[in-house]
Amino acid sequence: MAYANVLGTNEMLEQQVIRASHYYWDNRVMQADRFIWSWVNRKEPSTFGGNQEGLAAGATAITVANLFDSTESLNSQYHAHLGQTPTGPISVAMPTAAQLIAGLGMIVGDYFEFSYTNLSGNVITVTGNAGGLTEVGLMTIAANTTARFRVYISAVGSGVEAGSLIRI
């Protein structure tokens, strides 16, 4: 069966609305009636190494830029894999809910996941409560362990931005 309207990669990208968790098809301009689409996320690895985001040993904050690479237009949204080798026990703060919403265009119900590898013999504690993210689950990452987290946005609006930082 032949299709009347076959779209190339750039034409498909023009018909999408980018949100932090993934691409949404914009139904106002969607032209294809059926499509097969494969999106390979080059920045989401299965192990630490290569082009993952390495945090400095003493870094005490995760930034929006650490979680998402906005410099690569065709891969501006990705779920990051972070890694850190602290020289002692450390607490690392997440961006605030307001920063995530403003920086990533997140809406209520949006979420993303990231993994974080502790490459040391020390404990890393991830914090989000002070920035409008309610912590759910164990926020400590034991020595030489990888943890997976989900950030979920539950409220959007000036001064009421909120969400959850969930250990999964």
N, C-alpha and C. Protein backbone atom coordinates (compact mmCIF):
# COMPACT_ATOMS: atom_id res chain seq x y z
N MET A 1 0.84 -1.18 0.00
CA MET A 1 0.00 0.00 0.00
C MET A 1 0.88 1.24 0.00
N ALA A 2 0.65 2.15 -0.88
CA ALA A 2 1.42 3.39 -0.97
C ALA A 2 0.71 4.49 -0.19
N TYR A 3 1.49 5.30 0.45
CA TYR A 3 0.92 6.42 1.20
C TYR A 3 1.06 7.70 0.39
N ALA A 4 0.03 8.52 0.45
CA ALA A 4 0.00 9.74 -0.34
C ALA A 4 0.89 10.83 0.23
N ASN A 5 1.12 10.84 1.52
CA ASN A 5 1.85 11.94 2.13
C ASN A 5 2.93 11.38 3.05
N VAL A 6 4.11 11.15 2.49
CA VAL A 6 5.22 10.62 3.27
C VAL A 6 6.06 11.80 3.73
N LEU A 7 6.36 11.84 5.03
CA LEU A 7 7.11 12.96 5.59
C LEU A 7 8.55 12.56 5.87
N GLY A 8 9.46 13.47 5.61
CA GLY A 8 10.85 13.27 5.97
C GLY A 8 11.06 13.67 7.43
N THR A 9 12.28 13.47 7.92
CA THR A 9 12.60 13.76 9.32
C THR A 9 12.33 15.22 9.67
N ASN A 10 12.80 16.15 8.87
CA ASN A 10 12.61 17.57 9.17
C ASN A 10 11.13 17.95 9.13
N GLU A 11 10.38 17.39 8.20
CA GLU A 11 8.93 17.68 8.14
C GLU A 11 8.22 17.14 9.37
N MET A 12 8.66 15.99 9.87
CA MET A 12 8.05 15.45 11.09
C MET A 12 8.39 16.31 12.30
N LEU A 13 9.64 16.76 12.38
CA LEU A 13 10.04 17.61 13.51
C LEU A 13 9.26 18.92 13.53
N GLU A 14 8.94 19.46 12.36
CA GLU A 14 8.17 20.70 12.28
C GLU A 14 6.74 20.52 12.78
N GLN A 15 6.27 19.30 12.89
CA GLN A 15 4.90 19.03 13.32
C GLN A 15 4.83 18.57 14.76
N GLN A 16 5.87 18.86 15.52
CA GLN A 16 5.89 18.44 16.91
C GLN A 16 6.00 19.65 17.83
N VAL A 17 5.47 19.48 19.02
CA VAL A 17 5.60 20.47 20.08
C VAL A 17 6.52 19.84 21.12
N ILE A 18 7.60 20.51 21.48
CA ILE A 18 8.57 19.94 22.39
C ILE A 18 8.18 20.25 23.83
N ARG A 19 8.10 19.22 24.63
CA ARG A 19 7.92 19.34 26.08
C ARG A 19 9.09 18.62 26.73
N ALA A 20 9.27 18.82 28.01
CA ALA A 20 10.45 18.26 28.68
C ALA A 20 10.49 16.74 28.65
N SER A 21 9.35 16.10 28.80
CA SER A 21 9.38 14.65 28.90
C SER A 21 9.48 13.96 27.55
N HIS A 22 8.96 14.57 26.51
CA HIS A 22 9.03 13.98 25.18
C HIS A 22 8.41 14.92 24.15
N TYR A 23 8.48 14.51 22.90
CA TYR A 23 7.84 15.27 21.83
C TYR A 23 6.37 14.94 21.76
N TYR A 24 5.53 15.93 21.59
CA TYR A 24 4.11 15.74 21.38
C TYR A 24 3.80 16.05 19.92
N TRP A 25 2.92 15.27 19.32
CA TRP A 25 2.48 15.59 17.97
C TRP A 25 1.49 16.72 18.07
N ASP A 26 1.69 17.73 17.27
CA ASP A 26 0.80 18.89 17.25
C ASP A 26 -0.33 18.58 16.28
N ASN A 27 -1.49 18.23 16.81
CA ASN A 27 -2.61 17.82 15.97
C ASN A 27 -3.14 18.91 15.06
N ARG A 28 -2.77 20.16 15.35
CA ARG A 28 -3.23 21.25 14.48
C ARG A 28 -2.55 21.21 13.13
N VAL A 29 -1.34 20.67 13.05
CA VAL A 29 -0.62 20.65 11.78
C VAL A 29 -0.27 19.25 11.29
N MET A 30 -0.62 18.23 12.06
CA MET A 30 -0.26 16.86 11.69
C MET A 30 -0.88 16.48 10.36
N GLN A 31 -0.03 16.07 9.42
CA GLN A 31 -0.51 15.76 8.08
C GLN A 31 -0.55 14.27 7.77
N ALA A 32 0.31 13.50 8.41
CA ALA A 32 0.40 12.08 8.08
C ALA A 32 -0.73 11.31 8.76
N ASP A 33 -1.32 10.35 8.05
CA ASP A 33 -2.37 9.54 8.66
C ASP A 33 -1.78 8.32 9.36
N ARG A 34 -0.62 7.87 8.97
CA ARG A 34 0.08 6.76 9.62
C ARG A 34 1.57 7.04 9.52
N PHE A 35 2.31 6.62 10.52
CA PHE A 35 3.74 6.84 10.45
C PHE A 35 4.47 5.84 11.31
N ILE A 36 5.70 5.60 10.96
CA ILE A 36 6.62 4.82 11.78
C ILE A 36 7.73 5.79 12.14
N TRP A 37 8.00 5.89 13.41
CA TRP A 37 8.96 6.88 13.87
C TRP A 37 9.89 6.26 14.90
N SER A 38 11.16 6.42 14.70
CA SER A 38 12.14 5.92 15.65
C SER A 38 13.01 7.08 16.08
N TRP A 39 13.04 7.33 17.37
CA TRP A 39 13.84 8.42 17.90
C TRP A 39 14.90 7.82 18.81
N VAL A 40 16.14 7.88 18.38
CA VAL A 40 17.23 7.33 19.17
C VAL A 40 17.82 8.47 19.99
N ASN A 41 17.81 8.30 21.27
CA ASN A 41 18.31 9.32 22.16
C ASN A 41 19.79 9.06 22.40
N ARG A 42 20.64 9.83 21.77
CA ARG A 42 22.07 9.56 21.83
C ARG A 42 22.69 9.89 23.18
N LYS A 43 21.99 10.59 24.04
CA LYS A 43 22.56 11.00 25.32
C LYS A 43 22.07 10.15 26.48
N GLU A 44 21.26 9.15 26.24
CA GLU A 44 20.77 8.32 27.34
C GLU A 44 21.47 6.97 27.30
N PRO A 45 22.52 6.80 28.08
CA PRO A 45 23.28 5.56 28.06
C PRO A 45 22.76 4.55 29.06
N SER A 46 23.32 3.37 29.03
CA SER A 46 22.95 2.36 30.02
C SER A 46 23.98 2.25 31.13
N THR A 47 25.17 2.77 30.90
CA THR A 47 26.20 2.77 31.94
C THR A 47 26.91 4.11 31.93
N PHE A 48 27.58 4.43 33.03
CA PHE A 48 28.28 5.71 33.11
C PHE A 48 29.55 5.67 32.28
N GLY A 49 29.77 6.67 31.50
CA GLY A 49 30.94 6.74 30.63
C GLY A 49 30.55 7.43 29.35
N GLY A 50 31.48 7.62 28.44
CA GLY A 50 31.16 8.24 27.16
C GLY A 50 30.71 9.68 27.33
N ASN A 51 29.55 10.03 26.79
CA ASN A 51 29.12 11.42 26.77
C ASN A 51 28.11 11.75 27.87
N GLN A 52 28.11 11.04 28.95
CA GLN A 52 27.20 11.34 30.04
C GLN A 52 27.65 12.59 30.76
N GLU A 53 26.78 13.13 31.57
CA GLU A 53 27.06 14.36 32.32
C GLU A 53 27.79 14.02 33.61
N GLY A 54 29.05 14.37 33.69
CA GLY A 54 29.82 14.15 34.90
C GLY A 54 29.79 15.39 35.76
N LEU A 55 29.31 15.26 36.98
CA LEU A 55 29.30 16.39 37.90
C LEU A 55 30.65 16.46 38.60
N ALA A 56 31.12 17.66 38.87
CA ALA A 56 32.38 17.84 39.59
C ALA A 56 32.27 17.18 40.96
N ALA A 57 33.39 16.69 41.46
CA ALA A 57 33.40 15.94 42.72
C ALA A 57 32.73 16.70 43.86
N GLY A 58 32.92 18.01 43.94
CA GLY A 58 32.36 18.80 45.03
C GLY A 58 31.07 19.53 44.68
N ALA A 59 30.51 19.29 43.52
CA ALA A 59 29.30 20.00 43.11
C ALA A 59 28.15 19.69 44.06
N THR A 60 27.42 20.72 44.48
CA THR A 60 26.32 20.53 45.42
C THR A 60 24.98 20.90 44.80
N ALA A 61 24.93 21.06 43.49
CA ALA A 61 23.67 21.37 42.83
C ALA A 61 23.64 20.74 41.44
N ILE A 62 22.46 20.29 41.06
CA ILE A 62 22.19 19.82 39.70
C ILE A 62 21.46 20.96 39.01
N THR A 63 21.87 21.33 37.82
CA THR A 63 21.22 22.40 37.09
C THR A 63 20.34 21.83 35.99
N VAL A 64 19.48 22.67 35.43
CA VAL A 64 18.66 22.25 34.29
C VAL A 64 19.57 21.83 33.14
N ALA A 65 20.68 22.55 32.96
CA ALA A 65 21.63 22.21 31.89
C ALA A 65 22.27 20.84 32.11
N ASN A 66 22.43 20.41 33.37
CA ASN A 66 22.96 19.07 33.63
C ASN A 66 21.98 18.00 33.18
N LEU A 67 20.70 18.29 33.27
CA LEU A 67 19.67 17.30 32.95
C LEU A 67 19.31 17.27 31.47
N PHE A 68 19.40 18.41 30.79
CA PHE A 68 19.00 18.50 29.40
C PHE A 68 20.00 19.30 28.60
N ASP A 69 20.38 18.79 27.45
CA ASP A 69 21.31 19.46 26.55
C ASP A 69 20.51 20.26 25.54
N SER A 70 20.38 21.55 25.76
CA SER A 70 19.59 22.38 24.85
C SER A 70 20.42 22.93 23.70
N THR A 71 21.70 22.58 23.61
CA THR A 71 22.55 23.09 22.54
C THR A 71 22.41 22.28 21.26
N GLU A 72 21.85 21.10 21.35
CA GLU A 72 21.70 20.26 20.16
C GLU A 72 20.23 20.26 19.76
N SER A 73 19.90 21.01 18.71
CA SER A 73 18.50 21.26 18.39
C SER A 73 17.70 20.00 18.09
N LEU A 74 18.29 19.00 17.47
CA LEU A 74 17.55 17.79 17.14
C LEU A 74 17.46 16.82 18.30
N ASN A 75 18.19 17.10 19.38
CA ASN A 75 18.15 16.22 20.54
C ASN A 75 18.12 17.06 21.80
N SER A 76 17.30 18.09 21.78
CA SER A 76 17.30 19.05 22.89
C SER A 76 16.69 18.48 24.16
N GLN A 77 15.93 17.43 24.05
CA GLN A 77 15.32 16.84 25.23
C GLN A 77 15.90 15.44 25.41
N TYR A 78 16.48 15.18 26.54
CA TYR A 78 16.96 13.83 26.80
C TYR A 78 16.95 13.57 28.29
N HIS A 79 16.84 12.35 28.64
CA HIS A 79 16.89 11.96 30.04
C HIS A 79 18.35 11.65 30.36
N ALA A 80 18.90 12.40 31.26
CA ALA A 80 20.33 12.35 31.51
C ALA A 80 20.74 11.21 32.42
N HIS A 81 22.00 10.88 32.31
CA HIS A 81 22.63 9.98 33.26
C HIS A 81 23.74 10.80 33.90
N LEU A 82 23.64 11.03 35.18
CA LEU A 82 24.62 11.82 35.91
C LEU A 82 25.59 10.90 36.64
N GLY A 83 26.77 11.39 36.90
CA GLY A 83 27.74 10.64 37.67
C GLY A 83 28.59 11.59 38.49
N GLN A 84 29.00 11.16 39.66
CA GLN A 84 29.79 12.01 40.54
C GLN A 84 30.69 11.15 41.42
N THR A 85 31.88 11.67 41.73
CA THR A 85 32.83 10.99 42.60
C THR A 85 33.21 11.93 43.74
N PRO A 86 32.33 12.10 44.73
CA PRO A 86 32.66 13.03 45.82
C PRO A 86 33.74 12.46 46.73
N THR A 87 34.49 13.37 47.36
CA THR A 87 35.56 12.95 48.26
C THR A 87 35.07 12.72 49.68
N GLY A 88 33.80 13.00 49.94
CA GLY A 88 33.18 12.78 51.24
C GLY A 88 31.67 12.76 51.07
N PRO A 89 30.91 12.48 52.12
CA PRO A 89 29.44 12.53 52.02
C PRO A 89 29.01 13.91 51.53
N ILE A 90 28.01 13.96 50.66
CA ILE A 90 27.62 15.22 50.04
C ILE A 90 26.10 15.26 49.81
N SER A 91 25.52 16.46 49.92
CA SER A 91 24.12 16.69 49.55
C SER A 91 24.10 17.49 48.26
N VAL A 92 23.28 17.07 47.31
CA VAL A 92 23.20 17.73 46.01
C VAL A 92 21.74 18.14 45.77
N ALA A 93 21.53 19.44 45.54
CA ALA A 93 20.18 19.99 45.37
C ALA A 93 19.74 19.94 43.91
N MET A 94 18.48 19.59 43.72
CA MET A 94 17.85 19.63 42.40
C MET A 94 17.50 21.07 42.05
N PRO A 95 17.28 21.38 40.77
CA PRO A 95 16.72 22.68 40.42
C PRO A 95 15.34 22.82 41.05
N THR A 96 14.87 24.03 41.25
CA THR A 96 13.54 24.22 41.81
C THR A 96 12.49 23.85 40.77
N ALA A 97 11.28 23.62 41.23
CA ALA A 97 10.17 23.33 40.31
C ALA A 97 10.01 24.49 39.33
N ALA A 98 10.13 25.73 39.83
CA ALA A 98 9.99 26.91 38.97
C ALA A 98 11.06 26.93 37.88
N GLN A 99 12.31 26.58 38.23
CA GLN A 99 13.38 26.55 37.25
C GLN A 99 13.14 25.48 36.19
N LEU A 100 12.67 24.32 36.61
CA LEU A 100 12.38 23.25 35.67
C LEU A 100 11.25 23.64 34.72
N ILE A 101 10.20 24.23 35.27
CA ILE A 101 9.05 24.64 34.44
C ILE A 101 9.47 25.71 33.45
N ALA A 102 10.19 26.72 33.93
CA ALA A 102 10.61 27.82 33.06
C ALA A 102 11.63 27.36 32.02
N GLY A 103 12.58 26.55 32.44
CA GLY A 103 13.64 26.13 31.54
C GLY A 103 13.25 25.08 30.53
N LEU A 104 12.25 24.27 30.87
CA LEU A 104 11.90 23.15 30.01
C LEU A 104 10.49 23.22 29.43
N GLY A 105 9.74 24.23 29.82
CA GLY A 105 8.38 24.36 29.30
C GLY A 105 7.46 23.26 29.79
N MET A 106 7.70 22.76 30.99
CA MET A 106 6.89 21.65 31.51
C MET A 106 5.49 22.13 31.88
N ILE A 107 4.53 21.24 31.77
CA ILE A 107 3.15 21.50 32.14
C ILE A 107 2.73 20.48 33.19
N VAL A 108 1.58 20.69 33.81
CA VAL A 108 1.09 19.76 34.82
C VAL A 108 0.97 18.37 34.19
N GLY A 109 1.51 17.39 34.86
CA GLY A 109 1.48 16.01 34.37
C GLY A 109 2.74 15.60 33.65
N ASP A 110 3.57 16.56 33.25
CA ASP A 110 4.84 16.21 32.60
C ASP A 110 5.80 15.62 33.62
N TYR A 111 6.65 14.72 33.17
CA TYR A 111 7.69 14.18 34.03
C TYR A 111 8.87 13.76 33.17
N PHE A 112 10.00 13.61 33.79
CA PHE A 112 11.16 13.02 33.14
C PHE A 112 11.90 12.19 34.19
N GLU A 113 12.76 11.32 33.72
CA GLU A 113 13.54 10.47 34.61
C GLU A 113 15.02 10.66 34.31
N PHE A 114 15.81 10.46 35.33
CA PHE A 114 17.25 10.49 35.15
C PHE A 114 17.88 9.51 36.12
N SER A 115 19.07 9.05 35.80
CA SER A 115 19.81 8.18 36.71
C SER A 115 21.03 8.94 37.20
N TYR A 116 21.51 8.52 38.33
CA TYR A 116 22.60 9.23 39.01
C TYR A 116 23.50 8.16 39.64
N THR A 117 24.75 8.09 39.20
CA THR A 117 25.68 7.08 39.68
C THR A 117 26.66 7.70 40.68
N ASN A 118 26.75 7.07 41.83
CA ASN A 118 27.72 7.44 42.85
C ASN A 118 28.96 6.58 42.61
N LEU A 119 30.04 7.20 42.15
CA LEU A 119 31.25 6.48 41.79
C LEU A 119 32.28 6.48 42.92
N SER A 120 31.83 6.72 44.14
CA SER A 120 32.76 6.82 45.26
C SER A 120 32.35 5.88 46.39
N GLY A 121 33.12 5.91 47.46
CA GLY A 121 32.80 5.13 48.65
C GLY A 121 31.99 5.94 49.66
N ASN A 122 31.50 7.11 49.25
CA ASN A 122 30.74 8.00 50.13
C ASN A 122 29.27 8.00 49.75
N VAL A 123 28.44 8.60 50.58
CA VAL A 123 27.00 8.68 50.32
C VAL A 123 26.67 10.03 49.67
N ILE A 124 25.80 10.00 48.64
CA ILE A 124 25.28 11.21 48.02
C ILE A 124 23.80 11.29 48.39
N THR A 125 23.35 12.45 48.86
CA THR A 125 21.94 12.68 49.17
C THR A 125 21.39 13.71 48.18
N VAL A 126 20.34 13.35 47.47
CA VAL A 126 19.71 14.26 46.52
C VAL A 126 18.56 14.95 47.24
N THR A 127 18.47 16.28 47.11
CA THR A 127 17.42 17.04 47.81
C THR A 127 16.60 17.85 46.81
N GLY A 128 15.33 17.99 47.11
CA GLY A 128 14.45 18.77 46.25
C GLY A 128 13.37 19.51 46.99
N ASN A 129 13.23 19.25 48.27
CA ASN A 129 12.11 19.77 49.05
C ASN A 129 12.09 21.29 49.14
N ALA A 130 13.24 21.93 49.27
CA ALA A 130 13.28 23.38 49.42
C ALA A 130 12.88 24.11 48.15
N GLY A 131 12.92 23.43 47.01
CA GLY A 131 12.63 24.08 45.74
C GLY A 131 11.28 23.74 45.15
N GLY A 132 10.35 23.30 45.98
CA GLY A 132 9.02 22.98 45.48
C GLY A 132 8.87 21.56 45.00
N LEU A 133 9.90 20.75 45.15
CA LEU A 133 9.81 19.33 44.78
C LEU A 133 9.73 18.51 46.06
N THR A 134 8.63 17.81 46.24
CA THR A 134 8.45 16.97 47.42
C THR A 134 9.20 15.66 47.20
N GLU A 135 10.02 15.30 48.15
CA GLU A 135 10.81 14.08 48.05
C GLU A 135 9.96 12.86 48.39
N VAL A 136 10.02 11.84 47.53
CA VAL A 136 9.28 10.60 47.75
C VAL A 136 10.27 9.45 47.62
N GLY A 137 10.46 8.71 48.70
CA GLY A 137 11.38 7.59 48.69
C GLY A 137 12.73 7.96 49.27
N LEU A 138 13.65 7.02 49.21
CA LEU A 138 14.98 7.17 49.76
C LEU A 138 15.81 8.07 48.86
N MET A 139 16.30 9.17 49.38
CA MET A 139 17.05 10.14 48.58
C MET A 139 18.55 9.95 48.64
N THR A 140 19.01 8.96 49.40
CA THR A 140 20.45 8.72 49.47
C THR A 140 20.87 7.69 48.44
N ILE A 141 22.05 7.91 47.88
CA ILE A 141 22.63 6.97 46.93
C ILE A 141 23.86 6.38 47.60
N ALA A 142 23.82 5.10 47.88
CA ALA A 142 24.91 4.42 48.56
C ALA A 142 26.17 4.41 47.70
N ALA A 143 27.29 4.10 48.33
CA ALA A 143 28.57 4.03 47.64
C ALA A 143 28.50 3.08 46.45
N ASN A 144 29.08 3.51 45.34
CA ASN A 144 29.20 2.69 44.13
C ASN A 144 27.86 2.11 43.67
N THR A 145 26.84 2.97 43.69
CA THR A 145 25.48 2.55 43.34
C THR A 145 24.87 3.57 42.37
N THR A 146 23.96 3.10 41.54
CA THR A 146 23.20 3.98 40.66
C THR A 146 21.76 4.03 41.13
N ALA A 147 21.19 5.22 41.16
CA ALA A 147 19.78 5.41 41.53
C ALA A 147 19.05 6.04 40.35
N ARG A 148 17.76 5.74 40.26
CA ARG A 148 16.93 6.32 39.20
C ARG A 148 15.88 7.18 39.88
N PHE A 149 15.64 8.38 39.32
CA PHE A 149 14.69 9.34 39.87
C PHE A 149 13.71 9.79 38.79
N ARG A 150 12.52 10.16 39.22
CA ARG A 150 11.52 10.76 38.33
C ARG A 150 11.15 12.11 38.92
N VAL A 151 11.11 13.13 38.07
CA VAL A 151 10.63 14.45 38.45
C VAL A 151 9.28 14.65 37.78
N TYR A 152 8.25 14.86 38.59
CA TYR A 152 6.87 15.00 38.12
C TYR A 152 6.37 16.39 38.50
N ILE A 153 5.76 17.10 37.57
CA ILE A 153 5.24 18.45 37.83
C ILE A 153 3.74 18.36 38.13
N SER A 154 3.35 18.91 39.30
CA SER A 154 1.94 18.83 39.72
C SER A 154 1.24 20.18 39.76
N ALA A 155 1.97 21.29 39.73
CA ALA A 155 1.35 22.62 39.74
C ALA A 155 2.22 23.59 38.97
N VAL A 156 1.57 24.40 38.15
CA VAL A 156 2.25 25.41 37.35
C VAL A 156 1.53 26.73 37.57
N GLY A 157 2.27 27.77 37.78
CA GLY A 157 1.69 29.09 38.00
C GLY A 157 2.65 29.90 38.84
N SER A 158 2.74 31.16 38.59
CA SER A 158 3.69 32.01 39.29
C SER A 158 3.53 31.91 40.80
N GLY A 159 4.58 31.43 41.45
CA GLY A 159 4.58 31.31 42.90
C GLY A 159 4.00 30.02 43.46
N VAL A 160 3.39 29.20 42.62
CA VAL A 160 2.80 27.94 43.10
C VAL A 160 3.39 26.71 42.42
N GLU A 161 4.51 26.87 41.72
CA GLU A 161 5.12 25.76 41.01
C GLU A 161 5.48 24.65 42.00
N ALA A 162 5.11 23.42 41.65
CA ALA A 162 5.36 22.30 42.54
C ALA A 162 5.46 21.00 41.77
N GLY A 163 6.04 20.02 42.43
CA GLY A 163 6.14 18.70 41.84
C GLY A 163 6.71 17.72 42.84
N SER A 164 7.10 16.57 42.33
CA SER A 164 7.66 15.52 43.18
C SER A 164 8.98 15.05 42.61
N LEU A 165 9.90 14.76 43.49
CA LEU A 165 11.15 14.10 43.17
C LEU A 165 11.02 12.70 43.73
N ILE A 166 10.88 11.71 42.85
CA ILE A 166 10.53 10.35 43.26
C ILE A 166 11.70 9.41 42.97
N ARG A 167 12.11 8.67 43.98
CA ARG A 167 13.12 7.63 43.77
C ARG A 167 12.39 6.40 43.24
N ILE A 168 12.80 5.92 42.09
CA ILE A 168 12.14 4.75 41.50
C ILE A 168 13.09 3.58 41.38
